Amino acid sequence: MSLASGITKIHCGTFDAEQYWRGQELAKLPGLVDRENLRIVSMMDELLFAFCNPTEALITRKAMNPSHKQYLGDIGFKFYNNEFDLDGESKETGKSMLQLISEADQSAFATLAGEKPELDPFAAIPYTKEASERHGFGCRMPDMDIIRRVNTKTYSTEMKEQLGLRNDSFIVNHSSELQVLGETLLRQGSFLIKDNYGVSGQGNLLVESASILERVVSYTAMQENKGKLAQFVVELYLDKACDFSCQFMVTEDGAYQLISVQRLANDEFAYQESYTPEPAFLQMLESRGYFDLMERIAKGLYKDGYYGHVCVDSMQLRNGELIPLIEINARKSMSLIKNQVDRFLTPAGLQGNLRYYSVTTANAELQFEDVLAAMEQSDLLYRPGKDAGIIPLTANTLTINRKADKPYKGRLYVSMAGRHGEVRQELHQKLSGLLSSFSLQVMN
């Protein structure tokens, strides 16, 4: 769909929103910057097609792969998408999507602006209002200072206190506090240090020994000596059985709208997969007042000035205890995207697991089109009318780091559509084998 007439809503986004909320004055936890991973994350905006209908547009950093977009259109996802790269030939990720849109020539999206469509980003970050104003889009969002505040780990910690919940989290504002608290917690076992704006595997550090604590304290003190401010949340490492999350909306007038609950598979604190919980799990949550608590969190957020999408991370411990609030993410989420794909699959009686495949390869000739064709030939690709199949949700994430002279990383997001978990597991195994046939080493 290349014509952009009558567009009512524009989807776009930057998935590592936390780095754009984060102030330059804050100290960081030790860790390596993975440029290839950052480039992959910058391509994840393709996933937002799941929110689009034929009168809506998706603006992506790079134009979507034509074969991928054709396939999505064939199975029922029709939407407008830019046919040019917003960042030109660059592979650098310093500027967010919203900044790129705010700096784009006004003619770039002139055909979209006729009906004053609403700009609906994955997360409201700096430059959202500037992007809207430049191109004549509508934009309703809380003040940026409010958005920054409610997305901090300290805000989630304070919310636990306000709601009278079990709270294993401690707010730390200086390296000396971190040392004293850390030494105390190590006597009980391992603990986590969380960056105030950390996300999914980045900004979480597991401390299992005094030597690790000493290294973090020293690294933080060194930054403080240069004028940086320490702002961490420290919490005991709990004996977890499972992760799950709740997605809901807080409307502009303060109403609470429950959307879904999703079970999560995480690896080393990083998101790996979303899947539908069993009815018995949801009944257990209902009986323990989980959904009443989510509504109370929504009311607290609204009282503090926030409205919009929310994803609350939760867990259940091995002893059966619920930890209903780990942290609040005041934005859309991977699990919300999974729910959107499920809404598309529901009329066919199917459900999907949203997951990704991290790969490394030295295949400089790798093309997404070839992988798509191989999935079709192997009868793995989802088509309407099939009882099971795989929907590739991204394409550019697989090839953005492609190099001619050395191995590189890629990632492929998919939805495994089927009627039963066993079928989806079989699809997973077959796709892993197919990717290996392209000389792709699957890392997860």
Protein backbone atom coordinates (compact mmCIF):
# COMPACT_ATOMS: atom_id res chain seq x y z
CA MET A 1 0.00 0.00 0.00
CA SER A 2 1.86 3.08 -1.18
CA LEU A 3 -0.95 5.67 -1.36
CA ALA A 4 -1.48 7.54 1.88
CA SER A 5 -4.98 8.97 1.65
CA GLY A 6 -7.24 9.27 4.69
CA ILE A 7 -4.64 8.14 7.24
CA THR A 8 -6.11 8.39 10.77
CA LYS A 9 -3.19 7.21 12.93
CA ILE A 10 0.58 6.96 12.61
CA HIS A 11 2.56 4.29 14.46
CA CYS A 12 6.30 4.60 15.01
CA GLY A 13 8.74 4.06 17.78
CA THR A 14 12.08 3.52 19.41
CA PHE A 15 12.20 0.33 21.46
CA ASP A 16 15.09 1.35 23.70
CA ALA A 17 13.06 4.30 24.96
CA GLU A 18 14.77 4.17 28.35
CA GLN A 19 18.04 5.53 26.97
CA TYR A 20 16.19 8.65 25.76
CA TRP A 21 14.46 9.19 29.11
CA ARG A 22 17.76 8.77 30.92
CA GLY A 23 19.57 11.97 31.88
CA GLN A 24 23.21 12.51 30.92
CA GLU A 25 23.97 13.32 34.55
CA LEU A 26 23.34 9.75 35.75
CA ALA A 27 26.10 7.25 36.53
CA LYS A 28 25.98 3.93 34.68
CA LEU A 29 26.57 0.35 35.75
CA PRO A 30 29.63 -1.34 34.23
CA GLY A 31 28.94 -3.05 30.93
CA LEU A 32 29.96 -3.20 27.29
CA VAL A 33 28.13 -1.34 24.52
CA ASP A 34 27.15 -3.79 21.78
CA ARG A 35 26.81 -1.70 18.60
CA GLU A 36 25.38 -4.59 16.61
CA ASN A 37 22.69 -5.15 19.21
CA LEU A 38 21.80 -1.45 19.21
CA ARG A 39 21.37 -1.55 15.42
CA ILE A 40 19.09 -4.59 15.70
CA VAL A 41 16.97 -2.86 18.35
CA SER A 42 16.69 0.19 16.07
CA MET A 43 15.04 -2.05 13.45
CA MET A 44 12.45 -3.45 15.86
CA ASP A 45 10.02 -0.68 14.91
CA GLU A 46 8.88 -3.05 12.12
CA LEU A 47 7.00 -4.99 14.81
CA LEU A 48 4.52 -2.14 15.15
CA PHE A 49 2.73 -3.18 11.94
CA ALA A 50 0.65 -5.38 14.28
CA PHE A 51 -1.19 -2.27 15.51
CA CYS A 52 -2.04 -1.01 12.02
CA ASN A 53 -5.24 -1.23 10.04
CA PRO A 54 -5.70 -0.11 6.40
CA THR A 55 -6.34 3.53 7.42
CA GLU A 56 -3.16 3.70 9.52
CA ALA A 57 0.51 4.20 8.73
CA LEU A 58 3.73 2.76 10.11
CA ILE A 59 6.82 4.95 9.84
CA THR A 60 10.01 2.91 10.25
CA ARG A 61 13.66 3.97 10.48
CA LYS A 62 14.46 1.93 7.39
CA ALA A 63 11.89 1.20 4.69
CA MET A 64 10.42 -2.25 5.28
CA ASN A 65 11.66 -5.15 3.17
CA PRO A 66 9.29 -5.30 0.13
CA SER A 67 8.93 -9.09 0.28
CA HIS A 68 8.10 -8.95 3.97
CA LYS A 69 5.54 -6.18 3.49
CA GLN A 70 4.00 -8.04 0.54
CA TYR A 71 3.65 -11.19 2.64
CA LEU A 72 2.03 -9.28 5.53
CA GLY A 73 -0.40 -7.69 3.07
CA ASP A 74 -1.22 -11.08 1.58
CA ILE A 75 -2.25 -12.52 4.95
CA GLY A 76 -4.31 -9.48 5.95
CA PHE A 77 -2.07 -6.74 7.40
CA LYS A 78 -2.55 -3.76 5.08
CA PHE A 79 -1.05 -0.38 5.98
CA TYR A 80 1.00 2.49 4.56
CA ASN A 81 4.76 2.43 5.15
CA ASN A 82 7.47 4.88 4.07
CA GLU A 83 9.44 3.72 1.03
CA PHE A 84 12.60 5.62 2.00
CA ASP A 85 15.09 5.37 4.88
CA LEU A 86 14.68 8.10 7.47
CA ASP A 87 18.34 7.87 8.44
CA GLY A 88 19.64 7.63 4.85
CA GLU A 89 22.56 5.26 4.44
CA SER A 90 23.55 5.53 8.10
CA LYS A 91 23.67 2.49 10.36
CA GLU A 92 24.25 4.54 13.50
CA THR A 93 21.51 4.68 16.10
CA GLY A 94 22.18 7.83 18.14
CA LYS A 95 19.06 9.64 17.02
CA SER A 96 15.70 8.20 18.01
CA MET A 97 12.92 7.67 15.48
CA LEU A 98 11.04 10.65 16.92
CA GLN A 99 14.07 12.91 16.46
CA LEU A 100 14.52 11.69 12.89
CA ILE A 101 10.86 12.43 12.12
CA SER A 102 11.12 15.86 13.77
CA GLU A 103 14.13 16.67 11.55
CA ALA A 104 12.67 15.23 8.32
CA ASP A 105 11.69 17.62 5.56
CA GLN A 106 8.03 18.66 5.86
CA SER A 107 7.41 17.27 2.39
CA ALA A 108 8.41 13.75 3.55
CA PHE A 109 5.05 13.06 5.20
CA ALA A 110 2.87 15.74 3.58
CA THR A 111 0.55 13.10 2.09
CA LEU A 112 -0.09 11.65 5.57
CA ALA A 113 -0.98 14.90 7.30
CA GLY A 114 -4.21 15.77 5.47
CA GLU A 115 -6.60 14.34 8.08
CA LYS A 116 -4.33 15.40 11.01
CA PRO A 117 -3.66 11.79 12.01
CA GLU A 118 -2.81 10.94 15.61
CA LEU A 119 0.86 10.12 16.28
CA ASP A 120 0.90 6.95 18.41
CA PRO A 121 4.50 5.99 19.30
CA PHE A 122 5.67 2.80 21.03
CA ALA A 123 6.75 5.08 23.88
CA ALA A 124 6.48 8.84 24.32
CA ILE A 125 10.07 10.10 24.36
CA PRO A 126 11.73 13.48 23.70
CA TYR A 127 10.92 14.92 20.23
CA THR A 128 7.44 13.33 20.14
CA LYS A 129 5.66 16.70 20.30
CA GLU A 130 8.23 18.32 17.99
CA ALA A 131 7.70 15.57 15.40
CA SER A 132 3.92 16.04 15.60
CA GLU A 133 4.08 19.81 15.28
CA ARG A 134 6.50 19.74 12.36
CA HIS A 135 4.28 17.51 10.22
CA GLY A 136 0.81 18.52 11.40
CA PHE A 137 0.03 15.32 13.30
CA GLY A 138 -2.17 15.18 16.38
CA CYS A 139 -0.47 14.21 19.63
CA ARG A 140 -1.94 13.61 23.10
CA MET A 141 0.55 12.71 25.80
CA PRO A 142 1.43 13.59 29.40
CA ASP A 143 4.23 15.99 30.21
CA MET A 144 7.65 14.48 29.47
CA ASP A 145 8.83 14.93 33.07
CA ILE A 146 5.89 12.79 34.23
CA ILE A 147 6.69 10.09 31.65
CA ARG A 148 10.33 10.06 32.75
CA ARG A 149 9.38 9.79 36.42
CA VAL A 150 6.84 6.96 36.18
CA ASN A 151 9.27 4.86 34.11
CA THR A 152 11.97 4.85 36.78
CA LYS A 153 12.72 1.88 39.01
CA THR A 154 12.52 4.25 41.98
CA TYR A 155 8.91 5.12 41.08
CA SER A 156 7.98 1.41 41.01
CA THR A 157 9.67 0.97 44.40
CA GLU A 158 7.73 3.90 45.86
CA MET A 159 4.49 2.51 44.39
CA LYS A 160 5.04 -0.79 46.24
CA GLU A 161 5.28 1.16 49.49
CA GLN A 162 2.14 3.18 48.75
CA LEU A 163 0.15 0.02 48.00
CA GLY A 164 1.44 -1.84 51.04
CA LEU A 165 3.04 -4.58 48.96
CA ARG A 166 6.00 -6.77 49.85
CA ASN A 167 9.00 -4.65 48.92
CA ASP A 168 12.43 -6.21 48.50
CA SER A 169 13.76 -3.11 46.72
CA PHE A 170 15.98 -0.37 48.15
CA ILE A 171 16.70 3.01 46.57
CA VAL A 172 20.41 3.92 46.49
CA ASN A 173 21.68 7.43 45.70
CA HIS A 174 25.42 7.17 46.35
CA SER A 175 28.25 4.67 46.00
CA SER A 176 28.78 4.67 49.78
CA GLU A 177 25.13 3.67 50.32
CA LEU A 178 25.55 0.94 47.72
CA GLN A 179 28.58 -0.45 49.56
CA VAL A 180 26.91 -0.58 52.98
CA LEU A 181 23.64 -2.04 51.68
CA GLY A 182 25.42 -4.46 49.37
CA GLU A 183 27.57 -5.88 52.16
CA THR A 184 24.42 -6.44 54.25
CA LEU A 185 22.50 -8.13 51.45
CA LEU A 186 25.40 -10.41 50.48
CA ARG A 187 25.09 -12.06 53.91
CA GLN A 188 21.61 -13.22 52.78
CA GLY A 189 22.58 -14.19 49.22
CA SER A 190 22.88 -12.70 45.75
CA PHE A 191 21.19 -9.42 44.83
CA LEU A 192 20.46 -7.27 41.80
CA ILE A 193 21.53 -3.72 41.09
CA LYS A 194 19.17 -2.04 38.63
CA ASP A 195 19.84 1.12 36.69
CA ASN A 196 16.96 3.54 37.25
CA TYR A 197 16.28 3.38 33.49
CA GLY A 198 17.49 -0.16 32.82
CA VAL A 199 15.54 -2.42 30.49
CA SER A 200 15.40 -6.10 29.47
CA GLY A 201 18.89 -7.37 30.21
CA GLN A 202 20.61 -3.96 30.06
CA GLY A 203 21.17 -2.09 33.29
CA ASN A 204 20.62 -5.14 35.53
CA LEU A 205 23.67 -6.50 37.33
CA LEU A 206 23.66 -9.65 39.47
CA VAL A 207 26.02 -9.37 42.46
CA GLU A 208 27.09 -12.76 43.81
CA SER A 209 30.33 -11.87 45.59
CA ALA A 210 32.11 -9.12 47.49
CA SER A 211 34.58 -8.68 44.63
CA ILE A 212 31.76 -7.88 42.15
CA LEU A 213 30.26 -5.42 44.64
CA GLU A 214 33.62 -3.73 45.13
CA ARG A 215 34.06 -3.33 41.37
CA VAL A 216 30.62 -1.72 40.96
CA VAL A 217 31.11 0.58 43.96
CA SER A 218 34.52 1.67 42.64
CA TYR A 219 33.17 2.22 39.12
CA THR A 220 30.26 4.29 40.50
CA ALA A 221 32.52 6.35 42.78
CA MET A 222 34.80 7.14 39.85
CA GLN A 223 31.81 8.54 37.94
CA GLU A 224 30.63 10.50 41.00
CA ASN A 225 34.05 12.13 41.17
CA LYS A 226 33.38 13.42 37.65
CA GLY A 227 30.05 14.94 38.70
CA LYS A 228 27.68 12.07 37.87
CA LEU A 229 24.78 11.10 40.15
CA ALA A 230 24.21 7.53 41.29
CA GLN A 231 20.57 6.43 41.08
CA PHE A 232 20.03 2.69 41.44
CA VAL A 233 17.51 0.27 42.87
CA VAL A 234 18.93 -2.73 44.73
CA GLU A 235 16.83 -5.82 45.41
CA LEU A 236 17.23 -9.35 46.68
CA TYR A 237 17.52 -12.05 44.03
CA LEU A 238 14.34 -14.04 44.61
CA ASP A 239 13.75 -17.75 43.96
CA LYS A 240 11.57 -17.25 40.90
CA ALA A 241 9.34 -19.86 39.26
CA CYS A 242 7.96 -17.76 36.39
CA ASP A 243 7.67 -14.27 34.94
CA PHE A 244 4.47 -12.75 33.61
CA SER A 245 3.17 -9.30 32.76
CA CYS A 246 -0.10 -7.39 32.63
CA GLN A 247 -0.96 -4.93 29.87
CA PHE A 248 -3.55 -2.23 30.47
CA MET A 249 -4.50 1.26 29.37
CA VAL A 250 -5.08 4.35 31.50
CA THR A 251 -7.37 6.63 29.49
CA GLU A 252 -7.13 10.41 29.47
CA ASP A 253 -10.08 10.61 31.87
CA GLY A 254 -8.50 8.07 34.24
CA ALA A 255 -10.43 4.92 33.29
CA TYR A 256 -8.66 1.56 33.61
CA GLN A 257 -8.88 -0.83 30.65
CA LEU A 258 -7.39 -4.31 31.14
CA ILE A 259 -5.93 -5.68 27.89
CA SER A 260 -4.12 -8.95 28.60
CA VAL A 261 -1.84 -11.04 30.77
CA GLN A 262 1.10 -12.83 29.14
CA ARG A 263 3.52 -15.42 30.48
CA LEU A 264 7.16 -14.63 29.73
CA ALA A 265 10.30 -16.61 29.07
CA ASN A 266 13.36 -14.57 30.01
CA ASP A 267 17.05 -15.38 29.66
CA GLU A 268 19.65 -13.59 31.80
CA PHE A 269 16.94 -10.99 32.64
CA ALA A 270 16.34 -10.31 28.92
CA TYR A 271 13.01 -10.80 27.18
CA GLN A 272 12.87 -13.97 25.07
CA GLU A 273 9.26 -15.01 24.46
CA SER A 274 5.62 -14.16 25.29
CA TYR A 275 2.99 -16.87 25.42
CA THR A 276 -0.63 -17.20 26.53
CA PRO A 277 -1.21 -18.31 30.14
CA GLU A 278 -3.44 -21.25 30.97
CA PRO A 279 -6.99 -20.44 32.23
CA ALA A 280 -6.09 -21.89 35.65
CA PHE A 281 -3.24 -19.36 35.97
CA LEU A 282 -5.61 -16.44 35.25
CA GLN A 283 -8.14 -17.83 37.74
CA MET A 284 -5.41 -18.00 40.37
CA LEU A 285 -4.50 -14.35 39.72
CA GLU A 286 -8.15 -13.33 39.98
CA SER A 287 -8.60 -15.19 43.28
CA ARG A 288 -5.55 -13.47 44.78
CA GLY A 289 -6.72 -9.96 43.88
CA TYR A 290 -4.11 -9.39 41.16
CA PHE A 291 -6.43 -7.56 38.79
CA ASP A 292 -7.81 -5.35 41.57
CA LEU A 293 -4.20 -4.39 42.30
CA MET A 294 -3.54 -3.54 38.64
CA GLU A 295 -6.49 -1.16 38.78
CA ARG A 296 -5.06 0.45 41.91
CA ILE A 297 -1.71 0.90 40.10
CA ALA A 298 -3.57 2.51 37.19
CA LYS A 299 -5.27 4.94 39.60
CA GLY A 300 -1.90 5.76 41.18
CA LEU A 301 -0.36 6.47 37.78
CA TYR A 302 -3.28 8.72 36.80
CA LYS A 303 -3.07 10.58 40.12
CA ASP A 304 0.59 11.25 39.30
CA GLY A 305 -0.33 12.66 35.89
CA TYR A 306 0.17 9.67 33.57
CA TYR A 307 -2.19 8.23 31.00
CA GLY A 308 -1.50 5.81 28.15
CA HIS A 309 -0.30 2.22 27.78
CA VAL A 310 1.20 0.37 30.75
CA CYS A 311 2.94 -2.97 31.17
CA VAL A 312 3.48 -4.22 34.73
CA ASP A 313 6.13 -6.92 35.22
CA SER A 314 5.27 -9.56 37.81
CA MET A 315 6.58 -12.94 38.99
CA GLN A 316 5.62 -16.00 40.98
CA LEU A 317 8.13 -17.55 43.35
CA ARG A 318 8.82 -21.27 43.65
CA ASN A 319 6.98 -21.33 46.97
CA GLY A 320 3.85 -20.09 45.15
CA GLU A 321 4.00 -16.50 46.44
CA LEU A 322 3.03 -13.79 43.98
CA ILE A 323 5.20 -10.72 43.50
CA PRO A 324 2.60 -8.68 41.60
CA LEU A 325 4.70 -5.56 41.04
CA ILE A 326 8.33 -5.77 40.03
CA GLU A 327 8.35 -2.70 37.85
CA ILE A 328 6.08 -0.44 35.83
CA ASN A 329 6.75 0.22 32.14
CA ALA A 330 4.62 3.17 31.08
CA ARG A 331 4.66 2.42 27.36
CA LYS A 332 3.67 -0.33 24.94
CA SER A 333 5.47 -3.67 25.25
CA MET A 334 6.49 -6.83 23.45
CA SER A 335 3.64 -8.66 25.17
CA LEU A 336 1.17 -6.07 23.89
CA ILE A 337 2.45 -6.70 20.35
CA LYS A 338 1.99 -10.43 20.96
CA ASN A 339 -1.60 -9.75 22.03
CA GLN A 340 -2.21 -7.75 18.84
CA VAL A 341 -1.03 -10.65 16.67
CA ASP A 342 -3.26 -12.98 18.69
CA ARG A 343 -6.24 -10.75 17.96
CA PHE A 344 -5.49 -11.24 14.26
CA LEU A 345 -5.24 -15.04 14.73
CA THR A 346 -8.27 -15.50 17.03
CA PRO A 347 -10.94 -15.67 14.26
CA ALA A 348 -9.04 -18.67 12.83
CA GLY A 349 -9.04 -20.36 16.26
CA LEU A 350 -5.26 -19.96 16.60
CA GLN A 351 -2.88 -18.53 19.17
CA GLY A 352 0.70 -17.40 18.71
CA ASN A 353 3.90 -17.35 20.75
CA LEU A 354 5.98 -14.26 20.07
CA ARG A 355 9.66 -15.13 20.18
CA TYR A 356 12.94 -14.25 18.51
CA TYR A 357 15.98 -16.04 17.16
CA SER A 358 19.37 -14.46 17.72
CA VAL A 359 21.81 -15.63 15.09
CA THR A 360 25.41 -15.13 14.09
CA THR A 361 26.65 -15.77 10.59
CA ALA A 362 29.40 -15.02 8.12
CA ASN A 363 26.94 -15.37 5.21
CA ALA A 364 27.47 -12.07 3.41
CA GLU A 365 24.86 -13.03 0.79
CA LEU A 366 22.05 -13.53 3.31
CA GLN A 367 18.74 -12.13 2.07
CA PHE A 368 15.47 -12.14 4.01
CA GLU A 369 13.68 -13.00 0.76
CA ASP A 370 15.57 -16.31 0.60
CA VAL A 371 14.60 -17.20 4.18
CA LEU A 372 10.96 -16.30 3.46
CA ALA A 373 10.96 -18.45 0.30
CA ALA A 374 12.51 -21.38 2.19
CA MET A 375 9.83 -21.09 4.89
CA GLU A 376 7.18 -21.20 2.17
CA GLN A 377 8.75 -24.22 0.47
CA SER A 378 9.04 -26.05 3.80
CA ASP A 379 5.34 -25.40 4.52
CA LEU A 380 6.32 -23.46 7.65
CA LEU A 381 4.96 -20.07 6.56
CA TYR A 382 1.56 -19.10 7.89
CA ARG A 383 -1.17 -18.54 5.34
CA PRO A 384 -4.88 -17.97 6.05
CA GLY A 385 -6.71 -21.28 6.21
CA LYS A 386 -3.76 -23.21 7.64
CA ASP A 387 -4.00 -24.81 11.09
CA ALA A 388 -0.44 -23.81 11.94
CA GLY A 389 2.40 -21.70 10.61
CA ILE A 390 5.02 -19.08 11.35
CA ILE A 391 4.50 -15.35 10.78
CA PRO A 392 7.83 -13.51 10.36
CA LEU A 393 7.32 -10.23 12.22
CA THR A 394 10.58 -8.53 11.20
CA ALA A 395 13.02 -8.64 8.29
CA ASN A 396 15.57 -5.82 8.61
CA THR A 397 16.57 -7.05 12.10
CA LEU A 398 18.06 -10.10 10.40
CA THR A 399 20.32 -8.29 7.93
CA ILE A 400 21.05 -4.79 9.33
CA ASN A 401 24.56 -5.82 10.47
CA ARG A 402 25.45 -7.74 7.31
CA LYS A 403 29.18 -7.54 6.53
CA ALA A 404 31.28 -8.93 3.71
CA ASP A 405 34.42 -9.67 5.69
CA LYS A 406 33.50 -11.07 9.12
CA PRO A 407 30.70 -12.68 11.16
CA TYR A 408 27.80 -10.51 12.26
CA LYS A 409 24.69 -10.72 14.44
CA GLY A 410 21.08 -10.76 13.35
CA ARG A 411 17.69 -11.40 14.87
CA LEU A 412 14.37 -12.69 13.55
CA TYR A 413 11.10 -12.08 15.41
CA VAL A 414 8.25 -14.46 14.67
CA SER A 415 4.83 -15.55 15.85
CA MET A 416 4.37 -19.32 16.07
CA ALA A 417 0.68 -19.75 15.22
CA GLY A 418 -1.12 -22.95 16.13
CA ARG A 419 -3.94 -24.48 18.16
CA HIS A 420 -1.75 -26.20 20.75
CA GLY A 421 1.59 -25.66 22.47
CA GLU A 422 2.98 -28.90 21.06
CA VAL A 423 2.39 -27.66 17.51
CA ARG A 424 4.11 -24.37 18.24
CA GLN A 425 7.08 -26.20 19.76
CA GLU A 426 7.36 -28.34 16.63
CA LEU A 427 7.36 -25.19 14.48
CA HIS A 428 10.14 -23.78 16.66
CA GLN A 429 12.31 -26.86 16.11
CA LYS A 430 11.71 -26.84 12.35
CA LEU A 431 12.52 -23.15 12.03
CA SER A 432 15.73 -23.61 14.03
CA GLY A 433 16.76 -26.29 11.55
CA LEU A 434 15.85 -24.15 8.56
CA LEU A 435 17.90 -21.20 9.86
CA SER A 436 20.87 -23.51 10.34
CA SER A 437 20.63 -24.46 6.66
CA PHE A 438 21.45 -20.82 5.83
CA SER A 439 24.66 -21.05 7.90
CA LEU A 440 22.97 -19.14 10.69
CA GLN A 441 24.10 -20.19 14.16
CA VAL A 442 21.06 -19.87 16.41
CA MET A 443 22.15 -18.52 19.78
CA ASN A 444 18.94 -19.13 21.76
